[in-house]
Amino acid sequence: MKQRQHKVLDHPILGYFLLAIYVSIFTSIGGLIDSLIARFLPGYGVEMTVYGRTAMTASGVGYAFGALLGASIFFFWFRPNFKGFLKKKDIAAGLLMLLPFLLVHYTGSVVSWFEFGIGNVLIAFLRAFAPGFSEEFMFRGLGIANFMRTIKEEKQITTIWILSSVVFGLIHILNGAVGADPVAAIIQSIYAIGVGLILGAVYLRTGNLWPTIIGHLTVDFMEFIRGDMSKSGGLMIGMGIGDWITIAASVVAVFLAIRLMNKKYYPEIMELWNDKWSMNEPAKD
């Protein structure tokens, strides 16, 4: 069986950015579901001002649905060569890799609850589905998988690991354009690069997006419970003690990521992804 090709996506770097845009389109479509939910669930939507224009926005489970829909189309396009993003295998192993980072981050979030109070827990949980699913598929899931489909040399793994982390981090600067404190947005962007490094490392090492989705969703859920973020729709309006602890969590993430991505593991990573992109029928979990 010949492996299915795609003229545009066969360019690894170009493919990464195009797939990020592709997922963002589907999340926007899913946003229509969130807008509908906001009509019936008070607090689900929030007013944001962008370049002087104020509008009601909502993101949550609809974004997650859109991301999953886009990922499903990608999966079926390359099926049966591609074994998929979401597997039962290695979920526990991936979460264990993330655990030190998660524990420090959760600590920072709890401290922030005492600083800023607590908002609606249900709304926080529903909102956390947006970054937990959409950002994982947008910045890691499809782009990294496609990149690993196209490369032939182990040293290229470093490129996608760093690229995906930097892009993930820099995109958070845009929060400053929609109401976040500009300084906090820059700090959050630098912090997010560190988080991107650990999430990317875990995905590359396991080939499974579930650990990064669970980790990302729970981290944002813990943050969205905060009284200040609950009112702003998840935007940082200042830096408290808890925020500096989460910055420390990012430092822990960088340290863990560097260890996980030691070049001695590159042959293992290549073998894993070559298997995920094999021309055999998908293996059962």
Protein backbone atom coordinates (compact mmCIF):
# COMPACT_ATOMS: atom_id res chain seq x y z
CA MET A 1 0.00 0.00 0.00
CA LYS A 2 1.39 3.36 -1.03
CA GLN A 3 1.48 6.01 1.67
CA ARG A 4 -0.88 8.88 0.94
CA GLN A 5 0.80 12.16 0.04
CA HIS A 6 -0.24 15.80 0.08
CA LYS A 7 1.63 18.27 -2.12
CA VAL A 8 1.36 21.19 0.32
CA LEU A 9 1.63 19.35 3.63
CA ASP A 10 4.67 17.46 2.40
CA HIS A 11 6.58 20.70 3.17
CA PRO A 12 7.13 20.22 6.94
CA ILE A 13 7.48 23.87 8.07
CA LEU A 14 4.85 25.25 5.71
CA GLY A 15 2.61 22.36 6.65
CA TYR A 16 2.94 23.19 10.34
CA PHE A 17 1.68 26.75 9.91
CA LEU A 18 -1.05 25.79 7.45
CA LEU A 19 -2.36 23.14 9.80
CA ALA A 20 -2.38 25.64 12.67
CA ILE A 21 -4.52 27.95 10.53
CA TYR A 22 -6.65 24.98 9.47
CA VAL A 23 -7.45 24.08 13.08
CA SER A 24 -8.12 27.72 13.94
CA ILE A 25 -10.80 27.82 11.20
CA PHE A 26 -12.54 24.80 12.69
CA THR A 27 -12.34 26.24 16.21
CA SER A 28 -13.97 29.41 14.90
CA ILE A 29 -16.78 27.31 13.48
CA GLY A 30 -17.07 25.57 16.84
CA GLY A 31 -17.26 29.01 18.40
CA LEU A 32 -20.80 29.27 17.01
CA ILE A 33 -21.75 26.54 19.49
CA ASP A 34 -20.15 28.55 22.28
CA SER A 35 -22.08 31.65 21.25
CA LEU A 36 -25.30 29.63 21.46
CA ILE A 37 -24.38 28.27 24.90
CA ALA A 38 -23.63 31.83 26.08
CA ARG A 39 -27.24 32.80 25.37
CA PHE A 40 -28.53 30.26 27.87
CA LEU A 41 -25.67 30.02 30.41
CA PRO A 42 -24.99 33.26 32.28
CA GLY A 43 -21.30 34.08 32.60
CA TYR A 44 -20.21 31.75 29.80
CA GLY A 45 -19.63 34.69 27.45
CA VAL A 46 -17.65 37.80 28.25
CA GLU A 47 -17.44 41.25 26.71
CA MET A 48 -14.05 42.07 25.18
CA THR A 49 -12.78 45.25 23.57
CA VAL A 50 -10.48 44.85 20.57
CA TYR A 51 -9.11 48.01 18.96
CA GLY A 52 -11.92 50.08 20.41
CA ARG A 53 -14.74 47.72 19.45
CA THR A 54 -16.62 45.81 22.16
CA ALA A 55 -18.27 42.47 21.48
CA MET A 56 -19.50 39.44 23.40
CA THR A 57 -17.21 36.44 22.93
CA ALA A 58 -17.37 32.89 24.21
CA SER A 59 -15.01 29.94 23.94
CA GLY A 60 -15.18 26.52 25.51
CA VAL A 61 -16.65 23.19 24.51
CA GLY A 62 -17.54 24.50 21.04
CA TYR A 63 -13.89 25.28 20.34
CA ALA A 64 -12.99 21.78 21.50
CA PHE A 65 -15.59 20.26 19.19
CA GLY A 66 -14.30 22.27 16.22
CA ALA A 67 -10.71 21.19 16.90
CA LEU A 68 -11.74 17.54 17.13
CA LEU A 69 -13.68 17.83 13.88
CA GLY A 70 -10.68 19.28 12.05
CA ALA A 71 -8.38 16.63 13.52
CA SER A 72 -10.78 13.88 12.48
CA ILE A 73 -10.70 15.05 8.85
CA PHE A 74 -6.89 15.05 8.94
CA PHE A 75 -6.91 11.54 10.43
CA PHE A 76 -9.28 10.11 7.83
CA TRP A 77 -7.35 11.77 5.00
CA PHE A 78 -4.19 9.89 5.95
CA ARG A 79 -5.87 6.71 7.18
CA PRO A 80 -4.80 3.86 7.39
CA ASN A 81 -1.20 5.12 7.34
CA PHE A 82 -1.67 7.30 10.42
CA LYS A 83 -2.58 5.68 13.74
CA GLY A 84 -4.10 8.78 15.28
CA PHE A 85 -3.58 11.39 18.01
CA LEU A 86 -5.63 10.01 20.90
CA LYS A 87 -4.65 6.60 22.26
CA LYS A 88 -5.05 4.71 25.52
CA LYS A 89 -1.39 3.75 25.47
CA ASP A 90 1.09 5.92 27.40
CA ILE A 91 -1.49 8.29 28.94
CA ALA A 92 -0.18 7.50 32.43
CA ALA A 93 3.44 7.71 31.27
CA GLY A 94 2.84 11.10 29.68
CA LEU A 95 1.10 12.49 32.77
CA LEU A 96 3.95 11.22 34.92
CA MET A 97 6.38 13.19 32.74
CA LEU A 98 4.25 16.30 33.33
CA LEU A 99 3.63 15.72 37.04
CA PRO A 100 6.38 17.91 38.61
CA PHE A 101 5.40 20.84 36.39
CA LEU A 102 1.69 20.32 37.10
CA LEU A 103 2.14 20.18 40.87
CA VAL A 104 4.03 23.48 40.99
CA HIS A 105 1.51 25.08 38.63
CA TYR A 106 -1.48 23.87 40.65
CA THR A 107 0.16 25.34 43.76
CA GLY A 108 0.43 28.73 42.08
CA SER A 109 -3.22 28.57 41.06
CA VAL A 110 -4.38 27.77 44.60
CA VAL A 111 -2.36 30.71 45.95
CA SER A 112 -4.07 32.92 43.35
CA TRP A 113 -7.48 31.77 44.63
CA PHE A 114 -6.63 33.30 48.01
CA GLU A 115 -5.33 36.46 46.32
CA PHE A 116 -8.17 37.08 43.87
CA GLY A 117 -11.06 34.97 45.12
CA ILE A 118 -12.90 32.21 43.30
CA GLY A 119 -15.31 32.48 40.38
CA ASN A 120 -17.82 30.05 38.90
CA VAL A 121 -16.23 26.58 38.86
CA LEU A 122 -18.57 25.18 36.17
CA ILE A 123 -17.87 28.09 33.81
CA ALA A 124 -14.14 27.71 34.43
CA PHE A 125 -14.32 24.01 33.60
CA LEU A 126 -16.27 24.57 30.36
CA ARG A 127 -13.96 27.39 29.26
CA ALA A 128 -10.87 25.23 29.87
CA PHE A 129 -11.96 22.90 27.06
CA ALA A 130 -11.11 25.61 24.52
CA PRO A 131 -7.35 25.84 25.17
CA GLY A 132 -7.14 22.23 26.35
CA PHE A 133 -8.28 20.86 23.00
CA SER A 134 -8.02 23.64 20.41
CA GLU A 135 -4.51 24.83 21.33
CA GLU A 136 -3.18 21.28 21.63
CA PHE A 137 -4.44 20.33 18.18
CA MET A 138 -3.51 23.72 16.74
CA PHE A 139 0.08 24.03 17.98
CA ARG A 140 1.09 20.41 18.56
CA GLY A 141 -1.34 17.74 17.45
CA LEU A 142 -1.57 18.12 13.68
CA GLY A 143 1.56 20.15 12.96
CA ILE A 144 4.00 17.95 14.86
CA ALA A 145 2.39 14.75 13.55
CA ASN A 146 2.62 15.99 9.97
CA PHE A 147 6.21 17.15 10.49
CA MET A 148 7.21 13.72 11.78
CA ARG A 149 5.58 12.20 8.69
CA THR A 150 7.87 14.12 6.36
CA ILE A 151 11.31 14.10 8.00
CA LYS A 152 14.09 11.59 7.43
CA GLU A 153 16.78 12.70 9.93
CA GLU A 154 16.71 12.62 13.73
CA LYS A 155 18.25 16.07 14.08
CA GLN A 156 15.13 17.60 12.52
CA ILE A 157 13.15 16.67 15.64
CA THR A 158 14.71 19.63 17.44
CA THR A 159 13.31 21.99 14.80
CA ILE A 160 9.66 21.11 15.35
CA TRP A 161 10.05 20.89 19.13
CA ILE A 162 11.46 24.44 19.34
CA LEU A 163 9.26 25.89 16.58
CA SER A 164 6.00 24.63 18.05
CA SER A 165 6.96 25.91 21.51
CA VAL A 166 7.96 29.39 20.33
CA VAL A 167 4.85 29.80 18.17
CA PHE A 168 2.67 28.65 21.06
CA GLY A 169 4.33 31.17 23.35
CA LEU A 170 4.33 34.16 21.03
CA ILE A 171 0.66 33.79 20.15
CA HIS A 172 -0.16 34.68 23.77
CA ILE A 173 1.15 38.22 23.20
CA LEU A 174 -2.12 38.81 21.34
CA ASN A 175 -3.89 38.73 24.71
CA GLY A 176 -2.60 42.26 25.16
CA ALA A 177 -4.74 43.35 22.22
CA VAL A 178 -7.96 42.07 23.79
CA GLY A 179 -7.71 43.58 27.25
CA ALA A 180 -4.94 41.82 29.12
CA ASP A 181 -2.30 43.88 30.92
CA PRO A 182 0.48 44.38 28.30
CA VAL A 183 3.30 43.53 30.71
CA ALA A 184 1.41 40.47 31.96
CA ALA A 185 0.80 39.42 28.34
CA ILE A 186 4.54 39.54 27.56
CA ILE A 187 5.39 37.60 30.72
CA GLN A 188 2.66 35.09 29.90
CA SER A 189 4.09 34.69 26.43
CA ILE A 190 7.56 33.87 27.76
CA TYR A 191 6.00 31.53 30.30
CA ALA A 192 4.01 29.80 27.56
CA ILE A 193 7.18 29.04 25.59
CA GLY A 194 8.41 27.04 28.58
CA VAL A 195 5.07 25.27 28.88
CA GLY A 196 5.13 24.57 25.14
CA LEU A 197 8.54 22.90 25.51
CA ILE A 198 7.29 20.37 28.07
CA LEU A 199 4.00 19.72 26.28
CA GLY A 200 5.81 19.27 22.96
CA ALA A 201 8.37 16.97 24.56
CA VAL A 202 5.68 14.74 26.06
CA TYR A 203 3.80 14.53 22.75
CA LEU A 204 6.97 13.69 20.83
CA ARG A 205 7.98 11.06 23.40
CA THR A 206 4.56 9.37 23.63
CA GLY A 207 2.90 10.07 20.28
CA ASN A 208 -0.27 10.59 22.31
CA LEU A 209 -2.04 13.93 22.69
CA TRP A 210 -4.19 12.89 25.67
CA PRO A 211 -1.54 13.67 28.33
CA THR A 212 -0.98 17.19 26.97
CA ILE A 213 -4.72 17.83 26.59
CA ILE A 214 -5.38 16.70 30.16
CA GLY A 215 -2.42 18.67 31.49
CA HIS A 216 -3.31 21.81 29.54
CA LEU A 217 -7.01 21.61 30.37
CA THR A 218 -6.45 21.15 34.11
CA VAL A 219 -3.87 23.93 34.30
CA ASP A 220 -6.23 26.38 32.61
CA PHE A 221 -9.20 25.14 34.65
CA MET A 222 -7.31 25.89 37.87
CA GLU A 223 -6.44 29.36 36.55
CA PHE A 224 -9.92 30.17 35.21
CA ILE A 225 -11.39 29.54 38.67
CA ARG A 226 -9.55 32.68 39.86
CA GLY A 227 -11.89 35.56 40.53
CA ASP A 228 -10.00 38.01 38.29
CA MET A 229 -9.71 35.62 35.34
CA SER A 230 -13.29 34.47 35.80
CA LYS A 231 -14.50 38.04 35.24
CA SER A 232 -12.14 38.76 32.33
CA GLY A 233 -12.72 35.53 30.42
CA GLY A 234 -9.25 34.21 31.20
CA LEU A 235 -7.16 37.33 30.62
CA MET A 236 -4.47 38.37 33.09
CA ILE A 237 -4.97 41.88 34.43
CA GLY A 238 -2.00 41.85 36.78
CA MET A 239 0.71 39.74 38.43
CA GLY A 240 0.20 38.30 41.90
CA ILE A 241 2.25 35.93 44.05
CA GLY A 242 0.48 32.95 42.54
CA ASP A 243 1.45 34.12 39.07
CA TRP A 244 5.12 34.14 40.01
CA ILE A 245 4.77 30.58 41.26
CA THR A 246 3.33 29.59 37.89
CA ILE A 247 6.31 31.30 36.26
CA ALA A 248 8.47 29.03 38.42
CA ALA A 249 6.41 26.12 37.07
CA SER A 250 7.46 27.19 33.59
CA VAL A 251 11.11 27.04 34.64
CA VAL A 252 10.49 23.53 35.95
CA ALA A 253 8.87 22.73 32.61
CA VAL A 254 11.96 23.85 30.69
CA PHE A 255 14.22 21.74 32.88
CA LEU A 256 12.03 18.66 32.47
CA ALA A 257 11.66 19.22 28.73
CA ILE A 258 15.41 19.41 28.17
CA ARG A 259 15.84 16.12 30.00
CA LEU A 260 13.00 14.46 28.08
CA MET A 261 14.41 15.66 24.77
CA ASN A 262 17.98 14.52 25.34
CA LYS A 263 19.29 13.45 21.95
CA LYS A 264 19.82 9.92 23.21
CA TYR A 265 16.03 9.55 22.98
CA TYR A 266 15.86 10.69 19.33
CA PRO A 267 16.17 7.16 17.86
CA GLU A 268 13.29 6.09 20.12
CA ILE A 269 11.22 9.08 19.01
CA MET A 270 11.88 8.37 15.33
CA GLU A 271 10.93 4.72 15.79
CA LEU A 272 7.72 5.66 17.57
CA TRP A 273 6.63 8.12 14.90
CA ASN A 274 7.68 5.89 12.02
CA ASP A 275 5.38 3.28 13.52
CA LYS A 276 2.56 5.83 13.85
CA TRP A 277 2.98 6.65 10.16
CA SER A 278 3.45 3.05 9.02
CA MET A 279 1.67 1.66 5.99
CA ASN A 280 0.16 -1.12 8.08
CA GLU A 281 -3.35 -1.20 9.43
CA PRO A 282 -3.68 0.82 12.66
CA ALA A 283 -2.82 -1.21 15.72
CA LYS A 284 -5.43 -1.71 18.43
CA ASP A 285 -4.88 -0.17 21.81
